[in-house]
Amino acid sequence: MVEQQQLETVETGAQDAQYSVIWLHGLGASGHDFEPIVPQLGLEAPDTVRFVFPHAPAQPVTLNAGMVMPSWYDIYGLVPGTPQDEPGLDRAAGWIEALIEREASRGVPPERLVLAGFSQGGALALHTGLRYASGLAGIMGLSTYLPLADHLSQAHAAANRDTPVFLAHGHHDPVLAYQLGTDSRDALAGLGYPVEWHDYPMEHQVCMQEINDIGGWLRRVLPR
């Protein structure tokens, strides 16, 4: 059984919001990282969408010589074939599932919720969303990769087989190579997921065109 605990969060939007976006930050960042993007998304009625930005707990990260920092799970390396922290991913998925359930208790069921993330947060969003037992409105991964890709065909949840997936990556990403993004795209498409792919002439970051594309995608996937 995965562990569930309530993470501290930063939130925008009205208390009686009709839709929610849970957006997970990258390694070493915080829930404040993507908060400034919300006004730039061009949503037609922004107060109807609650953005929830959780803070990852601090823990040692093997990739960074065991340094303690905000991290969703441990990372052993980024070279293909490096073992991945499956117990850590599952534990973190429990934290995110608890946030999804909290949104349901506040009047936003999973089918009106998007699970999003950047870098390590995007990997966790994919890991959690594709395995979640109830259908989500959408799953978004920015400058990220699909963890445990070879497990997904057995571990996926039928409820999210048709859930729209937005993936985006920079051509010049020095942190998570562009091929990690395209390999993730191809793995999901090969399993039949409806993937919308975007790439940009940027490094490990978010650009204005990407923000515009995210806003357009959110307007399409959040039900009216």
C-alpha atoms as a PDB file:
ATOM      1  CA  MET A   1       0.000   0.000   0.000  1.00  0.00           C
ATOM      2  CA  VAL A   2       1.338   3.440  -0.880  1.00  0.00           C
ATOM      3  CA  GLU A   3       1.865   5.970   1.878  1.00  0.00           C
ATOM      4  CA  GLN A   4      -0.446   8.958   1.987  1.00  0.00           C
ATOM      5  CA  GLN A   5       0.361  12.172   3.824  1.00  0.00           C
ATOM      6  CA  GLN A   6      -0.772  15.742   3.349  1.00  0.00           C
ATOM      7  CA  LEU A   7       1.854  17.932   1.728  1.00  0.00           C
ATOM      8  CA  GLU A   8       2.062  21.670   2.293  1.00  0.00           C
ATOM      9  CA  THR A   9       0.847  23.560  -0.772  1.00  0.00           C
ATOM     10  CA  VAL A  10       0.677  26.970  -2.424  1.00  0.00           C
ATOM     11  CA  GLU A  11      -2.716  27.661  -4.007  1.00  0.00           C
ATOM     12  CA  THR A  12      -4.340  30.147  -6.360  1.00  0.00           C
ATOM     13  CA  GLY A  13      -7.980  30.481  -7.426  1.00  0.00           C
ATOM     14  CA  ALA A  14     -11.320  30.735  -5.663  1.00  0.00           C
ATOM     15  CA  GLN A  15     -12.308  28.493  -2.772  1.00  0.00           C
ATOM     16  CA  ASP A  16     -15.311  27.279  -4.791  1.00  0.00           C
ATOM     17  CA  ALA A  17     -13.274  26.524  -7.931  1.00  0.00           C
ATOM     18  CA  GLN A  18     -14.822  24.120 -10.422  1.00  0.00           C
ATOM     19  CA  TYR A  19     -11.536  22.691 -11.729  1.00  0.00           C
ATOM     20  CA  SER A  20      -8.106  21.967 -10.299  1.00  0.00           C
ATOM     21  CA  VAL A  21      -4.556  21.671 -11.588  1.00  0.00           C
ATOM     22  CA  ILE A  22      -2.041  19.979  -9.279  1.00  0.00           C
ATOM     23  CA  TRP A  23       1.386  21.081 -10.542  1.00  0.00           C
ATOM     24  CA  LEU A  24       4.571  19.433  -9.230  1.00  0.00           C
ATOM     25  CA  HIS A  25       7.877  21.312  -9.186  1.00  0.00           C
ATOM     26  CA  GLY A  26      11.277  20.002 -10.170  1.00  0.00           C
ATOM     27  CA  LEU A  27      14.184  18.738  -8.060  1.00  0.00           C
ATOM     28  CA  GLY A  28      15.436  21.278  -5.528  1.00  0.00           C
ATOM     29  CA  ALA A  29      12.623  23.769  -6.179  1.00  0.00           C
ATOM     30  CA  SER A  30       9.404  24.516  -4.271  1.00  0.00           C
ATOM     31  CA  GLY A  31       5.701  24.947  -4.802  1.00  0.00           C
ATOM     32  CA  HIS A  32       6.281  28.641  -5.507  1.00  0.00           C
ATOM     33  CA  ASP A  33       8.290  27.837  -8.647  1.00  0.00           C
ATOM     34  CA  PHE A  34       5.417  27.830 -11.146  1.00  0.00           C
ATOM     35  CA  GLU A  35       2.980  30.064  -9.292  1.00  0.00           C
ATOM     36  CA  PRO A  36       3.887  33.129 -11.449  1.00  0.00           C
ATOM     37  CA  ILE A  37       2.868  31.280 -14.629  1.00  0.00           C
ATOM     38  CA  VAL A  38      -0.835  31.106 -13.757  1.00  0.00           C
ATOM     39  CA  PRO A  39      -1.762  34.649 -14.923  1.00  0.00           C
ATOM     40  CA  GLN A  40       0.119  34.055 -18.186  1.00  0.00           C
ATOM     41  CA  LEU A  41      -1.947  31.012 -19.211  1.00  0.00           C
ATOM     42  CA  GLY A  42      -4.800  33.076 -20.626  1.00  0.00           C
ATOM     43  CA  LEU A  43      -7.573  31.056 -19.013  1.00  0.00           C
ATOM     44  CA  GLU A  44     -11.015  32.463 -19.759  1.00  0.00           C
ATOM     45  CA  ALA A  45     -12.231  32.321 -16.141  1.00  0.00           C
ATOM     46  CA  PRO A  46      -9.080  31.887 -14.032  1.00  0.00           C
ATOM     47  CA  ASP A  47     -10.889  32.020 -10.689  1.00  0.00           C
ATOM     48  CA  THR A  48     -12.784  28.845 -11.585  1.00  0.00           C
ATOM     49  CA  VAL A  49      -9.502  26.886 -11.703  1.00  0.00           C
ATOM     50  CA  ARG A  50      -7.643  26.165  -8.478  1.00  0.00           C
ATOM     51  CA  PHE A  51      -3.909  25.647  -8.989  1.00  0.00           C
ATOM     52  CA  VAL A  52      -2.328  23.549  -6.257  1.00  0.00           C
ATOM     53  CA  PHE A  53       1.481  23.651  -6.038  1.00  0.00           C
ATOM     54  CA  PRO A  54       2.746  21.203  -3.392  1.00  0.00           C
ATOM     55  CA  HIS A  55       6.184  21.344  -1.769  1.00  0.00           C
ATOM     56  CA  ALA A  56       8.244  18.149  -2.003  1.00  0.00           C
ATOM     57  CA  PRO A  57       9.823  16.993   1.274  1.00  0.00           C
ATOM     58  CA  ALA A  58      13.579  17.324   1.745  1.00  0.00           C
ATOM     59  CA  GLN A  59      15.523  14.082   1.354  1.00  0.00           C
ATOM     60  CA  PRO A  60      18.975  12.903   0.211  1.00  0.00           C
ATOM     61  CA  VAL A  61      19.467  12.598  -3.552  1.00  0.00           C
ATOM     62  CA  THR A  62      22.044  10.051  -4.703  1.00  0.00           C
ATOM     63  CA  LEU A  63      22.628  11.823  -8.042  1.00  0.00           C
ATOM     64  CA  ASN A  64      23.710  14.942  -6.152  1.00  0.00           C
ATOM     65  CA  ALA A  65      26.181  13.165  -3.824  1.00  0.00           C
ATOM     66  CA  GLY A  66      23.521  12.530  -1.198  1.00  0.00           C
ATOM     67  CA  MET A  67      22.743  16.227  -0.711  1.00  0.00           C
ATOM     68  CA  VAL A  68      19.465  16.837   1.113  1.00  0.00           C
ATOM     69  CA  MET A  69      17.046  18.902  -0.971  1.00  0.00           C
ATOM     70  CA  PRO A  70      13.362  19.069  -1.936  1.00  0.00           C
ATOM     71  CA  SER A  71      12.827  15.884  -3.928  1.00  0.00           C
ATOM     72  CA  TRP A  72       9.865  13.679  -4.767  1.00  0.00           C
ATOM     73  CA  TYR A  73      12.000  10.516  -4.834  1.00  0.00           C
ATOM     74  CA  ASP A  74      15.649   9.498  -5.049  1.00  0.00           C
ATOM     75  CA  ILE A  75      17.486   9.663  -8.383  1.00  0.00           C
ATOM     76  CA  TYR A  76      20.399   7.279  -8.873  1.00  0.00           C
ATOM     77  CA  GLY A  77      21.390   8.538 -12.323  1.00  0.00           C
ATOM     78  CA  LEU A  78      20.013   9.699 -15.674  1.00  0.00           C
ATOM     79  CA  VAL A  79      21.856   7.297 -17.980  1.00  0.00           C
ATOM     80  CA  PRO A  80      19.581   4.736 -19.691  1.00  0.00           C
ATOM     81  CA  GLY A  81      19.634   1.482 -17.758  1.00  0.00           C
ATOM     82  CA  THR A  82      20.305   3.097 -14.361  1.00  0.00           C
ATOM     83  CA  PRO A  83      18.046   1.584 -11.645  1.00  0.00           C
ATOM     84  CA  GLN A  84      15.118   3.754 -10.576  1.00  0.00           C
ATOM     85  CA  ASP A  85      13.666   4.397  -7.140  1.00  0.00           C
ATOM     86  CA  GLU A  86      10.417   2.469  -7.567  1.00  0.00           C
ATOM     87  CA  PRO A  87       9.540   2.442  -3.827  1.00  0.00           C
ATOM     88  CA  GLY A  88      10.176   6.192  -3.679  1.00  0.00           C
ATOM     89  CA  LEU A  89       8.025   6.822  -6.755  1.00  0.00           C
ATOM     90  CA  ASP A  90       5.182   4.779  -5.277  1.00  0.00           C
ATOM     91  CA  ARG A  91       5.487   6.542  -1.920  1.00  0.00           C
ATOM     92  CA  ALA A  92       5.353   9.959  -3.617  1.00  0.00           C
ATOM     93  CA  ALA A  93       2.401   8.820  -5.730  1.00  0.00           C
ATOM     94  CA  GLY A  94       0.559   8.252  -2.467  1.00  0.00           C
ATOM     95  CA  TRP A  95       1.177  11.864  -1.476  1.00  0.00           C
ATOM     96  CA  ILE A  96      -0.238  13.084  -4.803  1.00  0.00           C
ATOM     97  CA  GLU A  97      -3.221  10.750  -4.621  1.00  0.00           C
ATOM     98  CA  ALA A  98      -4.001  12.282  -1.215  1.00  0.00           C
ATOM     99  CA  LEU A  99      -4.058  15.721  -2.858  1.00  0.00           C
ATOM    100  CA  ILE A 100      -6.371  14.455  -5.609  1.00  0.00           C
ATOM    101  CA  GLU A 101      -8.702  13.064  -2.949  1.00  0.00           C
ATOM    102  CA  ARG A 102      -8.589  16.352  -1.053  1.00  0.00           C
ATOM    103  CA  GLU A 103      -9.674  18.159  -4.220  1.00  0.00           C
ATOM    104  CA  ALA A 104     -12.586  15.739  -4.551  1.00  0.00           C
ATOM    105  CA  SER A 105     -13.602  16.543  -0.974  1.00  0.00           C
ATOM    106  CA  ARG A 106     -13.569  20.239  -1.934  1.00  0.00           C
ATOM    107  CA  GLY A 107     -15.928  19.674  -4.854  1.00  0.00           C
ATOM    108  CA  VAL A 108     -13.535  18.951  -7.746  1.00  0.00           C
ATOM    109  CA  PRO A 109     -13.741  15.291  -8.834  1.00  0.00           C
ATOM    110  CA  PRO A 110     -10.840  13.661 -10.724  1.00  0.00           C
ATOM    111  CA  GLU A 111     -12.479  14.132 -14.123  1.00  0.00           C
ATOM    112  CA  ARG A 112     -12.165  17.905 -13.608  1.00  0.00           C
ATOM    113  CA  LEU A 113      -8.540  17.766 -12.457  1.00  0.00           C
ATOM    114  CA  VAL A 114      -5.248  17.965 -14.375  1.00  0.00           C
ATOM    115  CA  LEU A 115      -2.070  16.493 -12.902  1.00  0.00           C
ATOM    116  CA  ALA A 116       1.004  18.353 -14.139  1.00  0.00           C
ATOM    117  CA  GLY A 117       4.698  18.617 -13.401  1.00  0.00           C
ATOM    118  CA  PHE A 118       8.102  19.849 -14.523  1.00  0.00           C
ATOM    119  CA  SER A 119      11.265  17.697 -14.662  1.00  0.00           C
ATOM    120  CA  GLN A 120      11.226  15.331 -11.654  1.00  0.00           C
ATOM    121  CA  GLY A 121       7.718  16.592 -10.877  1.00  0.00           C
ATOM    122  CA  GLY A 122       6.654  15.748 -14.431  1.00  0.00           C
ATOM    123  CA  ALA A 123       7.997  12.223 -14.045  1.00  0.00           C
ATOM    124  CA  LEU A 124       5.942  11.820 -10.863  1.00  0.00           C
ATOM    125  CA  ALA A 125       2.866  13.289 -12.570  1.00  0.00           C
ATOM    126  CA  LEU A 126       3.153  10.680 -15.332  1.00  0.00           C
ATOM    127  CA  HIS A 127       3.865   7.863 -12.876  1.00  0.00           C
ATOM    128  CA  THR A 128       0.901   8.770 -10.671  1.00  0.00           C
ATOM    129  CA  GLY A 129      -1.629   9.854 -13.274  1.00  0.00           C
ATOM    130  CA  LEU A 130      -1.270   6.881 -15.600  1.00  0.00           C
ATOM    131  CA  ARG A 131      -1.803   4.511 -12.654  1.00  0.00           C
ATOM    132  CA  TYR A 132      -4.608   6.438 -10.934  1.00  0.00           C
ATOM    133  CA  ALA A 133      -7.790   4.422 -10.562  1.00  0.00           C
ATOM    134  CA  SER A 134     -10.184   7.237 -11.581  1.00  0.00           C
ATOM    135  CA  GLY A 135     -10.165   9.125 -14.873  1.00  0.00           C
ATOM    136  CA  LEU A 136      -8.417  12.501 -14.854  1.00  0.00           C
ATOM    137  CA  ALA A 137      -9.049  15.465 -17.154  1.00  0.00           C
ATOM    138  CA  GLY A 138      -5.431  15.459 -18.306  1.00  0.00           C
ATOM    139  CA  ILE A 139      -1.808  14.693 -17.462  1.00  0.00           C
ATOM    140  CA  MET A 140       1.033  17.082 -18.296  1.00  0.00           C
ATOM    141  CA  GLY A 141       4.786  16.479 -18.240  1.00  0.00           C
ATOM    142  CA  LEU A 142       7.240  19.286 -19.021  1.00  0.00           C
ATOM    143  CA  SER A 143      10.953  18.674 -19.716  1.00  0.00           C
ATOM    144  CA  THR A 144      10.660  15.242 -18.170  1.00  0.00           C
ATOM    145  CA  TYR A 145      10.746  11.487 -18.760  1.00  0.00           C
ATOM    146  CA  LEU A 146       8.509   8.477 -18.216  1.00  0.00           C
ATOM    147  CA  PRO A 147       9.837   6.557 -15.196  1.00  0.00           C
ATOM    148  CA  LEU A 148       9.605   2.770 -15.112  1.00  0.00           C
ATOM    149  CA  ALA A 149       8.402   2.813 -18.707  1.00  0.00           C
ATOM    150  CA  ASP A 150       8.837  -0.944 -19.070  1.00  0.00           C
ATOM    151  CA  HIS A 151       6.403  -1.516 -16.166  1.00  0.00           C
ATOM    152  CA  LEU A 152       3.600   0.652 -17.477  1.00  0.00           C
ATOM    153  CA  SER A 153       1.905  -1.893 -19.754  1.00  0.00           C
ATOM    154  CA  GLN A 154       1.150  -3.995 -16.651  1.00  0.00           C
ATOM    155  CA  ALA A 155       0.737  -1.175 -14.108  1.00  0.00           C
ATOM    156  CA  HIS A 156      -1.459   1.334 -15.966  1.00  0.00           C
ATOM    157  CA  ALA A 157      -5.039   2.043 -14.910  1.00  0.00           C
ATOM    158  CA  ALA A 158      -7.752   1.478 -17.507  1.00  0.00           C
ATOM    159  CA  ALA A 159      -9.511   4.645 -16.307  1.00  0.00           C
ATOM    160  CA  ASN A 160      -6.779   6.829 -17.801  1.00  0.00           C
ATOM    161  CA  ARG A 161      -6.088   5.037 -21.091  1.00  0.00           C
ATOM    162  CA  ASP A 162      -7.908   7.819 -22.970  1.00  0.00           C
ATOM    163  CA  THR A 163      -6.772  10.719 -20.796  1.00  0.00           C
ATOM    164  CA  PRO A 164      -5.091  13.494 -22.841  1.00  0.00           C
ATOM    165  CA  VAL A 165      -1.340  13.700 -22.191  1.00  0.00           C
ATOM    166  CA  PHE A 166       0.646  16.887 -22.898  1.00  0.00           C
ATOM    167  CA  LEU A 167       4.414  16.421 -23.224  1.00  0.00           C
ATOM    168  CA  ALA A 168       6.935  19.170 -23.985  1.00  0.00           C
ATOM    169  CA  HIS A 169      10.722  19.285 -24.098  1.00  0.00           C
ATOM    170  CA  GLY A 170      13.569  21.582 -25.088  1.00  0.00           C
ATOM    171  CA  HIS A 171      15.871  20.632 -27.963  1.00  0.00           C
ATOM    172  CA  HIS A 172      18.926  21.817 -25.999  1.00  0.00           C
ATOM    173  CA  ASP A 173      18.092  20.452 -22.550  1.00  0.00           C
ATOM    174  CA  PRO A 174      21.416  19.771 -20.738  1.00  0.00           C
ATOM    175  CA  VAL A 175      19.740  18.185 -17.681  1.00  0.00           C
ATOM    176  CA  LEU A 176      17.260  15.722 -19.176  1.00  0.00           C
ATOM    177  CA  ALA A 177      18.310  14.969 -22.741  1.00  0.00           C
ATOM    178  CA  TYR A 178      15.840  15.651 -25.518  1.00  0.00           C
ATOM    179  CA  GLN A 179      15.849  11.937 -26.358  1.00  0.00           C
ATOM    180  CA  LEU A 180      14.442  11.155 -22.905  1.00  0.00           C
ATOM    181  CA  GLY A 181      11.426  13.226 -23.902  1.00  0.00           C
ATOM    182  CA  THR A 182      10.990  11.671 -27.332  1.00  0.00           C
ATOM    183  CA  ASP A 183      11.493   8.160 -25.939  1.00  0.00           C
ATOM    184  CA  SER A 184       8.778   8.864 -23.363  1.00  0.00           C
ATOM    185  CA  ARG A 185       6.477  10.203 -26.070  1.00  0.00           C
ATOM    186  CA  ASP A 186       7.047   7.120 -28.217  1.00  0.00           C
ATOM    187  CA  ALA A 187       6.528   4.728 -25.302  1.00  0.00           C
ATOM    188  CA  LEU A 188       3.179   6.309 -24.432  1.00  0.00           C
ATOM    189  CA  ALA A 189       2.046   6.508 -28.051  1.00  0.00           C
ATOM    190  CA  GLY A 190       3.041   2.867 -28.510  1.00  0.00           C
ATOM    191  CA  LEU A 191       0.687   1.937 -25.673  1.00  0.00           C
ATOM    192  CA  GLY A 192      -2.132   3.893 -27.287  1.00  0.00           C
ATOM    193  CA  TYR A 193      -2.175   7.002 -25.104  1.00  0.00           C
ATOM    194  CA  PRO A 194      -3.382  10.227 -26.791  1.00  0.00           C
ATOM    195  CA  VAL A 195      -0.151  12.224 -26.547  1.00  0.00           C
ATOM    196  CA  GLU A 196       0.131  15.850 -27.656  1.00  0.00           C
ATOM    197  CA  TRP A 197       3.835  16.579 -28.203  1.00  0.00           C
ATOM    198  CA  HIS A 198       5.559  19.968 -28.276  1.00  0.00           C
ATOM    199  CA  ASP A 199       9.247  20.854 -28.528  1.00  0.00           C
ATOM    200  CA  TYR A 200      11.015  24.175 -28.356  1.00  0.00           C
ATOM    201  CA  PRO A 201      14.507  25.656 -29.025  1.00  0.00           C
ATOM    202  CA  MET A 202      15.291  25.953 -25.298  1.00  0.00           C
ATOM    203  CA  GLU A 203      17.224  24.311 -22.466  1.00  0.00           C
ATOM    204  CA  HIS A 204      15.805  22.913 -19.175  1.00  0.00           C
ATOM    205  CA  GLN A 205      13.208  25.622 -18.707  1.00  0.00           C
ATOM    206  CA  VAL A 206       9.804  26.909 -19.783  1.00  0.00           C
ATOM    207  CA  CYS A 207       9.373  29.437 -22.597  1.00  0.00           C
ATOM    208  CA  MET A 208       6.524  31.801 -23.479  1.00  0.00           C
ATOM    209  CA  GLN A 209       5.382  29.790 -26.477  1.00  0.00           C
ATOM    210  CA  GLU A 210       5.168  26.735 -24.239  1.00  0.00           C
ATOM    211  CA  ILE A 211       3.106  28.669 -21.693  1.00  0.00           C
ATOM    212  CA  ASN A 212       0.729  29.691 -24.488  1.00  0.00           C
ATOM    213  CA  ASP A 213       0.478  26.071 -25.651  1.00  0.00           C
ATOM    214  CA  ILE A 214      -0.202  24.873 -22.088  1.00  0.00           C
ATOM    215  CA  GLY A 215      -2.966  27.462 -21.721  1.00  0.00           C
ATOM    216  CA  GLY A 216      -4.577  26.358 -24.972  1.00  0.00           C
ATOM    217  CA  TRP A 217      -4.385  22.704 -23.956  1.00  0.00           C
ATOM    218  CA  LEU A 218      -5.918  23.391 -20.541  1.00  0.00           C
ATOM    219  CA  ARG A 219      -8.800  25.223 -22.178  1.00  0.00           C
ATOM    220  CA  ARG A 220      -9.448  22.134 -24.304  1.00  0.00           C
ATOM    221  CA  VAL A 221      -9.171  19.423 -21.649  1.00  0.00           C
ATOM    222  CA  LEU A 222     -10.924  21.049 -18.711  1.00  0.00           C
ATOM    223  CA  PRO A 223     -14.595  20.143 -19.211  1.00  0.00           C
ATOM    224  CA  ARG A 224     -17.146  22.900 -19.576  1.00  0.00           C
END
